[in-house]
């Protein structure tokens, strides 16, 4: 299974002084059929970075953080060589200049979420009080990302920023460029009307640019009904996307594993439908029970990401 959104690089950075823990964690998840993923460094506000991740404000430097993580991965073999993964940055609040994208690209970055939940100098996230969209600097950033063949993750963008990015991508596509957009961890708003999920129109805009939607296993993004079985809710989103799109060719899966948070284990358990190490088996079982063909299952779990992201990026 290819996991479209997993903040593994943040986990590695947070625990860089306890590599035995990191290596043990990675062995466990990669021995349970996680064959690849988009592995992110995750950035929030300085206070949230400290309170929730234990990362001090003076440590926050996207380029230096990624250099450290890349070194640890290579030096200690943390991620096995057979694992196909893309390096992602979630939230570009701390990007010092657009030109730094060139450095990040050389360091392996191939996926970027321009905003997280808040507003930054490029655009606006889904929880910000303002409804502003992409800034002029954000438009320049989008063009830079497209030129570098870096995928743009739309999952945390508010509606105005989402559509501004889409329209900019369409404009540049007409000029001969090849934008790559996707939603790494968002579900259908039709089934669960929360801020992070997407409307039918948004979902179809992603499909029309031949992107993918990673259906995410966070309970509150699957259903708002406490008495509804979360596994049923999760598979409902995949079934709905199949009906909306007409096929499964733009559907993928994501766990958004949040075990790196400094929160109580009970809280974490209540957030995710599936644990990282059991996600592949559970999702595959649900798809089989709901009459998806073996070809469709392979596309959802692996092939769509290979075709729509990896081949277009690398």
C-alpha atoms as a PDB file:
ATOM      1  CA  UNK A   1       0.000   0.000   0.000  1.00  0.00           C
ATOM      2  CA  UNK A   2       1.206   3.495  -0.867  1.00  0.00           C
ATOM      3  CA  UNK A   3       0.277   5.927   1.916  1.00  0.00           C
ATOM      4  CA  UNK A   4      -0.490   9.322   0.376  1.00  0.00           C
ATOM      5  CA  UNK A   5       0.028  11.233   3.615  1.00  0.00           C
ATOM      6  CA  UNK A   6       2.249  10.223   6.494  1.00  0.00           C
ATOM      7  CA  UNK A   7       4.347  12.741   8.463  1.00  0.00           C
ATOM      8  CA  UNK A   8       7.175  10.269   8.934  1.00  0.00           C
ATOM      9  CA  UNK A   9       9.963  12.813   8.434  1.00  0.00           C
ATOM     10  CA  UNK A  10       8.584  14.930  11.275  1.00  0.00           C
ATOM     11  CA  UNK A  11       8.533  11.802  13.426  1.00  0.00           C
ATOM     12  CA  UNK A  12      12.176  11.104  12.560  1.00  0.00           C
ATOM     13  CA  UNK A  13      13.214  14.673  13.308  1.00  0.00           C
ATOM     14  CA  UNK A  14      11.342  14.756  16.621  1.00  0.00           C
ATOM     15  CA  UNK A  15      12.993  11.519  17.748  1.00  0.00           C
ATOM     16  CA  UNK A  16      16.425  12.106  16.183  1.00  0.00           C
ATOM     17  CA  UNK A  17      18.070  11.583  19.583  1.00  0.00           C
ATOM     18  CA  UNK A  18      16.312   8.247  20.049  1.00  0.00           C
ATOM     19  CA  UNK A  19      17.063   6.465  16.783  1.00  0.00           C
ATOM     20  CA  UNK A  20      16.447   3.050  18.303  1.00  0.00           C
ATOM     21  CA  UNK A  21      12.790   4.057  18.684  1.00  0.00           C
ATOM     22  CA  UNK A  22      12.657   5.393  15.117  1.00  0.00           C
ATOM     23  CA  UNK A  23      14.254   2.284  13.594  1.00  0.00           C
ATOM     24  CA  UNK A  24      11.935   0.000  15.556  1.00  0.00           C
ATOM     25  CA  UNK A  25       8.890   2.015  14.443  1.00  0.00           C
ATOM     26  CA  UNK A  26       9.923   1.927  10.784  1.00  0.00           C
ATOM     27  CA  UNK A  27      10.661  -1.798  10.825  1.00  0.00           C
ATOM     28  CA  UNK A  28       7.191  -2.421  12.189  1.00  0.00           C
ATOM     29  CA  UNK A  29       5.326  -0.377   9.581  1.00  0.00           C
ATOM     30  CA  UNK A  30       7.422  -1.397   6.591  1.00  0.00           C
ATOM     31  CA  UNK A  31       7.102  -5.072   7.488  1.00  0.00           C
ATOM     32  CA  UNK A  32       3.332  -4.761   7.203  1.00  0.00           C
ATOM     33  CA  UNK A  33       2.930  -4.063   3.497  1.00  0.00           C
ATOM     34  CA  UNK A  34       3.431  -0.278   3.496  1.00  0.00           C
ATOM     35  CA  UNK A  35       5.368  -0.244   0.235  1.00  0.00           C
ATOM     36  CA  UNK A  36       5.708   3.509  -0.119  1.00  0.00           C
ATOM     37  CA  UNK A  37       4.284   6.889   0.709  1.00  0.00           C
ATOM     38  CA  UNK A  38       4.484  10.636   0.696  1.00  0.00           C
ATOM     39  CA  UNK A  39       6.542  11.272   3.816  1.00  0.00           C
ATOM     40  CA  UNK A  40       6.310  14.809   5.142  1.00  0.00           C
ATOM     41  CA  UNK A  41       7.950  17.395   7.308  1.00  0.00           C
ATOM     42  CA  UNK A  42       4.991  19.088   8.966  1.00  0.00           C
ATOM     43  CA  UNK A  43       4.944  22.786   9.972  1.00  0.00           C
ATOM     44  CA  UNK A  44       2.435  24.629  12.170  1.00  0.00           C
ATOM     45  CA  UNK A  45       2.736  27.858  14.164  1.00  0.00           C
ATOM     46  CA  UNK A  46       5.803  28.205  16.396  1.00  0.00           C
ATOM     47  CA  UNK A  47       3.705  27.683  19.534  1.00  0.00           C
ATOM     48  CA  UNK A  48       2.002  24.589  18.131  1.00  0.00           C
ATOM     49  CA  UNK A  49       5.338  23.207  16.963  1.00  0.00           C
ATOM     50  CA  UNK A  50       6.583  23.442  20.531  1.00  0.00           C
ATOM     51  CA  UNK A  51       3.398  22.399  22.366  1.00  0.00           C
ATOM     52  CA  UNK A  52       2.413  19.483  20.114  1.00  0.00           C
ATOM     53  CA  UNK A  53       5.685  18.332  18.578  1.00  0.00           C
ATOM     54  CA  UNK A  54       8.280  19.421  21.117  1.00  0.00           C
ATOM     55  CA  UNK A  55      10.197  21.390  18.480  1.00  0.00           C
ATOM     56  CA  UNK A  56      11.582  24.739  19.676  1.00  0.00           C
ATOM     57  CA  UNK A  57      11.073  27.854  17.498  1.00  0.00           C
ATOM     58  CA  UNK A  58      14.841  28.297  17.017  1.00  0.00           C
ATOM     59  CA  UNK A  59      14.987  24.809  15.472  1.00  0.00           C
ATOM     60  CA  UNK A  60      12.494  25.597  12.725  1.00  0.00           C
ATOM     61  CA  UNK A  61      14.367  25.761   9.430  1.00  0.00           C
ATOM     62  CA  UNK A  62      12.917  23.724   6.579  1.00  0.00           C
ATOM     63  CA  UNK A  63      16.199  23.273   4.712  1.00  0.00           C
ATOM     64  CA  UNK A  64      18.309  22.400   7.751  1.00  0.00           C
ATOM     65  CA  UNK A  65      15.614  20.112   9.183  1.00  0.00           C
ATOM     66  CA  UNK A  66      15.412  18.205   5.907  1.00  0.00           C
ATOM     67  CA  UNK A  67      19.194  17.909   5.664  1.00  0.00           C
ATOM     68  CA  UNK A  68      19.262  16.365   9.145  1.00  0.00           C
ATOM     69  CA  UNK A  69      16.479  13.909   8.334  1.00  0.00           C
ATOM     70  CA  UNK A  70      18.028  12.930   4.994  1.00  0.00           C
ATOM     71  CA  UNK A  71      21.362  12.285   6.702  1.00  0.00           C
ATOM     72  CA  UNK A  72      19.766  10.088   9.377  1.00  0.00           C
ATOM     73  CA  UNK A  73      17.815   8.099   6.770  1.00  0.00           C
ATOM     74  CA  UNK A  74      20.973   7.424   4.734  1.00  0.00           C
ATOM     75  CA  UNK A  75      23.325   6.877   7.670  1.00  0.00           C
ATOM     76  CA  UNK A  76      21.115   4.444   9.573  1.00  0.00           C
ATOM     77  CA  UNK A  77      19.027   2.904   6.797  1.00  0.00           C
ATOM     78  CA  UNK A  78      15.831   4.062   8.507  1.00  0.00           C
ATOM     79  CA  UNK A  79      13.754   3.729   5.339  1.00  0.00           C
ATOM     80  CA  UNK A  80      14.552   0.490   3.445  1.00  0.00           C
ATOM     81  CA  UNK A  81      15.753   0.880  -0.137  1.00  0.00           C
ATOM     82  CA  UNK A  82      12.784  -0.997  -1.588  1.00  0.00           C
ATOM     83  CA  UNK A  83      10.334   1.584  -0.222  1.00  0.00           C
ATOM     84  CA  UNK A  84       9.259   4.083  -2.895  1.00  0.00           C
ATOM     85  CA  UNK A  85       8.574   7.424  -1.294  1.00  0.00           C
ATOM     86  CA  UNK A  86       8.257  11.090  -2.103  1.00  0.00           C
ATOM     87  CA  UNK A  87       9.477  13.769   0.295  1.00  0.00           C
ATOM     88  CA  UNK A  88       6.798  16.323   1.118  1.00  0.00           C
ATOM     89  CA  UNK A  89       6.624  19.599   3.018  1.00  0.00           C
ATOM     90  CA  UNK A  90       3.293  20.348   4.683  1.00  0.00           C
ATOM     91  CA  UNK A  91       2.970  24.092   5.258  1.00  0.00           C
ATOM     92  CA  UNK A  92       5.416  26.628   3.805  1.00  0.00           C
ATOM     93  CA  UNK A  93       5.123  29.327   6.474  1.00  0.00           C
ATOM     94  CA  UNK A  94       8.869  29.163   7.143  1.00  0.00           C
ATOM     95  CA  UNK A  95      10.051  29.215   3.524  1.00  0.00           C
ATOM     96  CA  UNK A  96      12.451  32.167   3.435  1.00  0.00           C
ATOM     97  CA  UNK A  97      12.247  32.808  -0.305  1.00  0.00           C
ATOM     98  CA  UNK A  98      10.722  31.214  -3.379  1.00  0.00           C
ATOM     99  CA  UNK A  99      14.253  30.514  -4.617  1.00  0.00           C
ATOM    100  CA  UNK A 100      14.678  28.111  -1.686  1.00  0.00           C
ATOM    101  CA  UNK A 101      12.411  25.723  -3.631  1.00  0.00           C
ATOM    102  CA  UNK A 102      15.472  25.005  -5.801  1.00  0.00           C
ATOM    103  CA  UNK A 103      17.407  23.859  -2.719  1.00  0.00           C
ATOM    104  CA  UNK A 104      14.486  21.794  -1.428  1.00  0.00           C
ATOM    105  CA  UNK A 105      14.132  20.160  -4.835  1.00  0.00           C
ATOM    106  CA  UNK A 106      17.819  19.158  -4.764  1.00  0.00           C
ATOM    107  CA  UNK A 107      17.190  17.693  -1.295  1.00  0.00           C
ATOM    108  CA  UNK A 108      14.428  15.504  -2.741  1.00  0.00           C
ATOM    109  CA  UNK A 109      11.206  17.458  -2.122  1.00  0.00           C
ATOM    110  CA  UNK A 110       8.572  16.430  -4.660  1.00  0.00           C
ATOM    111  CA  UNK A 111       5.328  17.361  -2.871  1.00  0.00           C
ATOM    112  CA  UNK A 112       4.296  20.598  -1.168  1.00  0.00           C
ATOM    113  CA  UNK A 113       1.242  21.747   0.766  1.00  0.00           C
ATOM    114  CA  UNK A 114       1.502  25.525   0.335  1.00  0.00           C
ATOM    115  CA  UNK A 115      -0.629  26.210   3.419  1.00  0.00           C
ATOM    116  CA  UNK A 116      -1.610  24.354   6.540  1.00  0.00           C
ATOM    117  CA  UNK A 117      -4.740  25.396   8.476  1.00  0.00           C
ATOM    118  CA  UNK A 118      -3.640  28.995   8.946  1.00  0.00           C
ATOM    119  CA  UNK A 119      -2.958  31.963   6.635  1.00  0.00           C
ATOM    120  CA  UNK A 120       0.606  32.543   5.472  1.00  0.00           C
ATOM    121  CA  UNK A 121       2.358  34.734   2.898  1.00  0.00           C
ATOM    122  CA  UNK A 122       1.298  32.459   0.051  1.00  0.00           C
ATOM    123  CA  UNK A 123      -2.353  31.677   0.782  1.00  0.00           C
ATOM    124  CA  UNK A 124      -4.959  30.699   3.340  1.00  0.00           C
ATOM    125  CA  UNK A 125      -5.734  27.446   5.115  1.00  0.00           C
ATOM    126  CA  UNK A 126      -9.100  25.947   5.992  1.00  0.00           C
ATOM    127  CA  UNK A 127      -9.209  27.118   9.638  1.00  0.00           C
ATOM    128  CA  UNK A 128      -8.118  30.722   9.112  1.00  0.00           C
ATOM    129  CA  UNK A 129     -10.634  33.417  10.026  1.00  0.00           C
ATOM    130  CA  UNK A 130     -10.141  35.165   6.674  1.00  0.00           C
ATOM    131  CA  UNK A 131     -11.479  33.857   3.361  1.00  0.00           C
ATOM    132  CA  UNK A 132      -8.618  35.297   1.311  1.00  0.00           C
ATOM    133  CA  UNK A 133      -7.022  33.181  -1.362  1.00  0.00           C
ATOM    134  CA  UNK A 134      -3.681  32.853  -3.092  1.00  0.00           C
ATOM    135  CA  UNK A 135      -1.455  35.945  -2.776  1.00  0.00           C
ATOM    136  CA  UNK A 136       0.606  37.373  -5.647  1.00  0.00           C
ATOM    137  CA  UNK A 137       3.636  35.715  -4.043  1.00  0.00           C
ATOM    138  CA  UNK A 138       1.610  32.500  -3.883  1.00  0.00           C
ATOM    139  CA  UNK A 139       0.954  32.698  -7.625  1.00  0.00           C
ATOM    140  CA  UNK A 140       4.688  32.995  -8.237  1.00  0.00           C
ATOM    141  CA  UNK A 141       5.238  29.998  -5.959  1.00  0.00           C
ATOM    142  CA  UNK A 142       2.703  27.873  -7.857  1.00  0.00           C
ATOM    143  CA  UNK A 143       4.496  28.600 -11.125  1.00  0.00           C
ATOM    144  CA  UNK A 144       7.841  27.749  -9.522  1.00  0.00           C
ATOM    145  CA  UNK A 145       6.513  24.432  -8.196  1.00  0.00           C
ATOM    146  CA  UNK A 146       5.077  23.483 -11.574  1.00  0.00           C
ATOM    147  CA  UNK A 147       8.335  24.304 -13.330  1.00  0.00           C
ATOM    148  CA  UNK A 148      10.216  22.095 -10.832  1.00  0.00           C
ATOM    149  CA  UNK A 149       7.676  19.228 -11.292  1.00  0.00           C
ATOM    150  CA  UNK A 150       6.727  19.370  -7.604  1.00  0.00           C
ATOM    151  CA  UNK A 151       3.192  18.160  -6.847  1.00  0.00           C
ATOM    152  CA  UNK A 152       0.863  20.652  -5.143  1.00  0.00           C
ATOM    153  CA  UNK A 153      -1.145  19.212  -2.261  1.00  0.00           C
ATOM    154  CA  UNK A 154      -4.536  20.925  -1.889  1.00  0.00           C
ATOM    155  CA  UNK A 155      -5.792  19.205   1.262  1.00  0.00           C
ATOM    156  CA  UNK A 156      -5.411  22.130   3.685  1.00  0.00           C
ATOM    157  CA  UNK A 157      -6.229  25.041   1.351  1.00  0.00           C
ATOM    158  CA  UNK A 158      -9.430  26.996   1.954  1.00  0.00           C
ATOM    159  CA  UNK A 159     -11.866  27.163  -0.982  1.00  0.00           C
ATOM    160  CA  UNK A 160     -10.563  30.469  -2.367  1.00  0.00           C
ATOM    161  CA  UNK A 161      -6.935  29.326  -2.234  1.00  0.00           C
ATOM    162  CA  UNK A 162      -7.920  25.932  -3.667  1.00  0.00           C
ATOM    163  CA  UNK A 163      -9.617  27.463  -6.708  1.00  0.00           C
ATOM    164  CA  UNK A 164      -6.923  30.109  -7.169  1.00  0.00           C
ATOM    165  CA  UNK A 165      -4.355  27.294  -7.381  1.00  0.00           C
ATOM    166  CA  UNK A 166      -6.563  25.315  -9.765  1.00  0.00           C
ATOM    167  CA  UNK A 167      -7.123  28.317 -12.050  1.00  0.00           C
ATOM    168  CA  UNK A 168      -3.407  29.152 -12.044  1.00  0.00           C
ATOM    169  CA  UNK A 169      -2.622  25.532 -12.937  1.00  0.00           C
ATOM    170  CA  UNK A 170      -5.117  25.613 -15.813  1.00  0.00           C
ATOM    171  CA  UNK A 171      -3.649  28.871 -17.081  1.00  0.00           C
ATOM    172  CA  UNK A 172      -0.116  27.470 -17.024  1.00  0.00           C
ATOM    173  CA  UNK A 173      -1.268  24.201 -18.577  1.00  0.00           C
ATOM    174  CA  UNK A 174      -2.560  26.172 -21.572  1.00  0.00           C
ATOM    175  CA  UNK A 175       0.961  27.587 -21.886  1.00  0.00           C
ATOM    176  CA  UNK A 176       2.412  24.090 -22.171  1.00  0.00           C
ATOM    177  CA  UNK A 177       3.353  23.385 -18.555  1.00  0.00           C
ATOM    178  CA  UNK A 178       2.301  20.209 -16.728  1.00  0.00           C
ATOM    179  CA  UNK A 179       0.835  20.946 -13.273  1.00  0.00           C
ATOM    180  CA  UNK A 180       0.525  18.080 -10.805  1.00  0.00           C
ATOM    181  CA  UNK A 181      -2.172  18.545  -8.168  1.00  0.00           C
ATOM    182  CA  UNK A 182      -3.702  16.197  -5.632  1.00  0.00           C
ATOM    183  CA  UNK A 183      -5.393  16.086  -2.240  1.00  0.00           C
ATOM    184  CA  UNK A 184      -3.226  13.845  -0.102  1.00  0.00           C
ATOM    185  CA  UNK A 185      -5.634  13.415   2.801  1.00  0.00           C
ATOM    186  CA  UNK A 186      -9.175  14.680   2.183  1.00  0.00           C
ATOM    187  CA  UNK A 187     -12.569  13.015   1.969  1.00  0.00           C
ATOM    188  CA  UNK A 188     -15.932  13.869   0.391  1.00  0.00           C
ATOM    189  CA  UNK A 189     -17.827  16.736   2.006  1.00  0.00           C
ATOM    190  CA  UNK A 190     -21.061  15.143   0.749  1.00  0.00           C
ATOM    191  CA  UNK A 191     -20.579  12.347   3.313  1.00  0.00           C
ATOM    192  CA  UNK A 192     -18.906  14.333   6.079  1.00  0.00           C
ATOM    193  CA  UNK A 193     -19.305  18.113   6.056  1.00  0.00           C
ATOM    194  CA  UNK A 194     -16.159  19.238   7.882  1.00  0.00           C
ATOM    195  CA  UNK A 195     -13.622  21.912   6.981  1.00  0.00           C
ATOM    196  CA  UNK A 196     -10.941  19.585   5.631  1.00  0.00           C
ATOM    197  CA  UNK A 197     -13.138  17.634   3.222  1.00  0.00           C
ATOM    198  CA  UNK A 198     -13.870  18.657  -0.372  1.00  0.00           C
ATOM    199  CA  UNK A 199     -17.040  19.474  -2.296  1.00  0.00           C
ATOM    200  CA  UNK A 200     -17.999  17.544  -5.419  1.00  0.00           C
ATOM    201  CA  UNK A 201     -16.846  20.453  -7.571  1.00  0.00           C
ATOM    202  CA  UNK A 202     -13.430  20.515  -5.866  1.00  0.00           C
ATOM    203  CA  UNK A 203     -13.037  16.769  -6.227  1.00  0.00           C
ATOM    204  CA  UNK A 204     -13.896  16.941  -9.918  1.00  0.00           C
ATOM    205  CA  UNK A 205     -11.415  19.776 -10.457  1.00  0.00           C
ATOM    206  CA  UNK A 206      -8.680  17.471  -9.153  1.00  0.00           C
ATOM    207  CA  UNK A 207      -9.845  14.640 -11.403  1.00  0.00           C
ATOM    208  CA  UNK A 208      -9.990  16.975 -14.416  1.00  0.00           C
ATOM    209  CA  UNK A 209      -6.295  17.774 -13.881  1.00  0.00           C
ATOM    210  CA  UNK A 210      -5.703  14.003 -13.589  1.00  0.00           C
ATOM    211  CA  UNK A 211      -4.738  14.236  -9.915  1.00  0.00           C
ATOM    212  CA  UNK A 212      -5.647  11.870  -7.106  1.00  0.00           C
ATOM    213  CA  UNK A 213      -7.599  12.072  -3.865  1.00  0.00           C
ATOM    214  CA  UNK A 214      -6.168  10.217  -0.871  1.00  0.00           C
ATOM    215  CA  UNK A 215      -9.106   9.054   1.244  1.00  0.00           C
ATOM    216  CA  UNK A 216      -7.953   9.549   4.823  1.00  0.00           C
ATOM    217  CA  UNK A 217      -8.567   7.358   7.856  1.00  0.00           C
ATOM    218  CA  UNK A 218      -9.132  10.083  10.458  1.00  0.00           C
ATOM    219  CA  UNK A 219     -12.429   9.387  12.173  1.00  0.00           C
ATOM    220  CA  UNK A 220     -13.706  12.956  12.280  1.00  0.00           C
ATOM    221  CA  UNK A 221     -13.143  13.290   8.521  1.00  0.00           C
ATOM    222  CA  UNK A 222     -15.076  10.074   7.805  1.00  0.00           C
ATOM    223  CA  UNK A 223     -18.273  10.761   9.715  1.00  0.00           C
ATOM    224  CA  UNK A 224     -19.775  13.112  12.281  1.00  0.00           C
ATOM    225  CA  UNK A 225     -22.113  10.412  13.604  1.00  0.00           C
ATOM    226  CA  UNK A 226     -20.738   8.699  16.694  1.00  0.00           C
ATOM    227  CA  UNK A 227     -22.974   5.658  16.254  1.00  0.00           C
ATOM    228  CA  UNK A 228     -21.845   4.995  12.651  1.00  0.00           C
ATOM    229  CA  UNK A 229     -19.154   2.346  12.248  1.00  0.00           C
ATOM    230  CA  UNK A 230     -16.034   4.160  11.093  1.00  0.00           C
ATOM    231  CA  UNK A 231     -14.944   1.390   8.752  1.00  0.00           C
ATOM    232  CA  UNK A 232     -18.332   1.656   7.005  1.00  0.00           C
ATOM    233  CA  UNK A 233     -17.923   5.441   6.868  1.00  0.00           C
ATOM    234  CA  UNK A 234     -14.440   5.135   5.392  1.00  0.00           C
ATOM    235  CA  UNK A 235     -15.444   2.772   2.608  1.00  0.00           C
ATOM    236  CA  UNK A 236     -18.497   4.961   1.895  1.00  0.00           C
ATOM    237  CA  UNK A 237     -16.157   7.779   0.884  1.00  0.00           C
ATOM    238  CA  UNK A 238     -14.303   5.523  -1.562  1.00  0.00           C
ATOM    239  CA  UNK A 239     -17.575   4.232  -3.021  1.00  0.00           C
ATOM    240  CA  UNK A 240     -18.874   7.775  -3.355  1.00  0.00           C
ATOM    241  CA  UNK A 241     -15.751   8.934  -5.186  1.00  0.00           C
ATOM    242  CA  UNK A 242     -16.050   5.992  -7.574  1.00  0.00           C
ATOM    243  CA  UNK A 243     -19.625   7.035  -8.410  1.00  0.00           C
ATOM    244  CA  UNK A 244     -18.669  10.712  -8.742  1.00  0.00           C
ATOM    245  CA  UNK A 245     -15.623  10.041 -10.934  1.00  0.00           C
ATOM    246  CA  UNK A 246     -17.115   7.154 -12.898  1.00  0.00           C
ATOM    247  CA  UNK A 247     -14.191   4.861 -12.040  1.00  0.00           C
ATOM    248  CA  UNK A 248     -11.452   4.405  -9.410  1.00  0.00           C
ATOM    249  CA  UNK A 249      -8.584   5.830 -11.472  1.00  0.00           C
ATOM    250  CA  UNK A 250      -8.138   8.962  -9.338  1.00  0.00           C
ATOM    251  CA  UNK A 251      -8.615   7.407  -5.888  1.00  0.00           C
ATOM    252  CA  UNK A 252      -5.866   6.502  -3.421  1.00  0.00           C
ATOM    253  CA  UNK A 253      -5.577   6.031   0.354  1.00  0.00           C
ATOM    254  CA  UNK A 254      -3.916   7.826   3.258  1.00  0.00           C
ATOM    255  CA  UNK A 255      -3.534   7.165   6.967  1.00  0.00           C
ATOM    256  CA  UNK A 256      -2.270  10.559   8.201  1.00  0.00           C
ATOM    257  CA  UNK A 257      -0.643   8.658  11.067  1.00  0.00           C
ATOM    258  CA  UNK A 258      -0.548  11.065  14.016  1.00  0.00           C
ATOM    259  CA  UNK A 259       1.413   9.015  16.508  1.00  0.00           C
ATOM    260  CA  UNK A 260       4.160  11.641  16.547  1.00  0.00           C
ATOM    261  CA  UNK A 261       1.938  14.033  18.500  1.00  0.00           C
ATOM    262  CA  UNK A 262       2.692  14.681  22.182  1.00  0.00           C
ATOM    263  CA  UNK A 263      -0.765  13.496  23.205  1.00  0.00           C
ATOM    264  CA  UNK A 264      -2.150  10.659  25.266  1.00  0.00           C
ATOM    265  CA  UNK A 265      -2.309   7.269  23.468  1.00  0.00           C
ATOM    266  CA  UNK A 266      -6.061   7.098  24.089  1.00  0.00           C
ATOM    267  CA  UNK A 267      -6.567  10.379  22.251  1.00  0.00           C
ATOM    268  CA  UNK A 268      -4.517   9.157  19.308  1.00  0.00           C
ATOM    269  CA  UNK A 269      -6.430   5.883  19.147  1.00  0.00           C
ATOM    270  CA  UNK A 270      -9.675   7.840  18.885  1.00  0.00           C
ATOM    271  CA  UNK A 271      -8.370   9.866  15.953  1.00  0.00           C
ATOM    272  CA  UNK A 272      -7.462   7.169  13.440  1.00  0.00           C
ATOM    273  CA  UNK A 273      -9.638   4.463  11.975  1.00  0.00           C
ATOM    274  CA  UNK A 274      -6.650   2.231  11.219  1.00  0.00           C
ATOM    275  CA  UNK A 275      -3.274   1.885  12.826  1.00  0.00           C
ATOM    276  CA  UNK A 276      -0.426   2.364  10.364  1.00  0.00           C
ATOM    277  CA  UNK A 277       0.703  -1.259  10.548  1.00  0.00           C
ATOM    278  CA  UNK A 278      -2.759  -2.702   9.835  1.00  0.00           C
ATOM    279  CA  UNK A 279      -4.076  -0.167   7.302  1.00  0.00           C
ATOM    280  CA  UNK A 280      -3.302  -2.129   4.152  1.00  0.00           C
ATOM    281  CA  UNK A 281      -4.946  -5.326   5.351  1.00  0.00           C
ATOM    282  CA  UNK A 282      -8.055  -3.563   6.657  1.00  0.00           C
ATOM    283  CA  UNK A 283      -8.602  -1.374   3.594  1.00  0.00           C
ATOM    284  CA  UNK A 284      -8.058  -4.294   1.229  1.00  0.00           C
ATOM    285  CA  UNK A 285     -10.561  -6.382   3.194  1.00  0.00           C
ATOM    286  CA  UNK A 286     -13.149  -3.582   3.089  1.00  0.00           C
ATOM    287  CA  UNK A 287     -12.716  -3.147  -0.654  1.00  0.00           C
ATOM    288  CA  UNK A 288     -13.142  -6.883  -1.251  1.00  0.00           C
ATOM    289  CA  UNK A 289     -16.257  -7.012   0.932  1.00  0.00           C
ATOM    290  CA  UNK A 290     -17.722  -4.129  -1.075  1.00  0.00           C
ATOM    291  CA  UNK A 291     -17.268  -5.887  -4.417  1.00  0.00           C
ATOM    292  CA  UNK A 292     -14.302  -3.947  -5.752  1.00  0.00           C
ATOM    293  CA  UNK A 293     -12.392  -5.991  -8.306  1.00  0.00           C
ATOM    294  CA  UNK A 294      -8.780  -7.039  -7.787  1.00  0.00           C
ATOM    295  CA  UNK A 295      -7.769  -4.592 -10.525  1.00  0.00           C
ATOM    296  CA  UNK A 296      -9.622  -1.744  -8.804  1.00  0.00           C
ATOM    297  CA  UNK A 297      -8.050  -2.610  -5.449  1.00  0.00           C
ATOM    298  CA  UNK A 298      -4.565  -2.580  -6.947  1.00  0.00           C
ATOM    299  CA  UNK A 299      -5.250   0.819  -8.508  1.00  0.00           C
ATOM    300  CA  UNK A 300      -6.539   2.310  -5.250  1.00  0.00           C
ATOM    301  CA  UNK A 301      -3.769   0.903  -3.073  1.00  0.00           C
ATOM    302  CA  UNK A 302      -0.816   1.386  -5.428  1.00  0.00           C
ATOM    303  CA  UNK A 303      -1.168   1.853  -9.157  1.00  0.00           C
ATOM    304  CA  UNK A 304      -2.955   5.224  -9.262  1.00  0.00           C
ATOM    305  CA  UNK A 305      -0.187   6.896  -7.281  1.00  0.00           C
ATOM    306  CA  UNK A 306       2.444   5.349  -9.536  1.00  0.00           C
ATOM    307  CA  UNK A 307       0.674   6.600 -12.669  1.00  0.00           C
ATOM    308  CA  UNK A 308      -0.644   9.996 -11.537  1.00  0.00           C
ATOM    309  CA  UNK A 309       2.210  11.142  -9.293  1.00  0.00           C
ATOM    310  CA  UNK A 310       5.437   9.194  -9.326  1.00  0.00           C
ATOM    311  CA  UNK A 311       5.793   8.746 -13.108  1.00  0.00           C
ATOM    312  CA  UNK A 312       4.901  12.385 -13.727  1.00  0.00           C
ATOM    313  CA  UNK A 313       7.300  13.705 -11.080  1.00  0.00           C
ATOM    314  CA  UNK A 314      10.383  11.514 -11.430  1.00  0.00           C
END
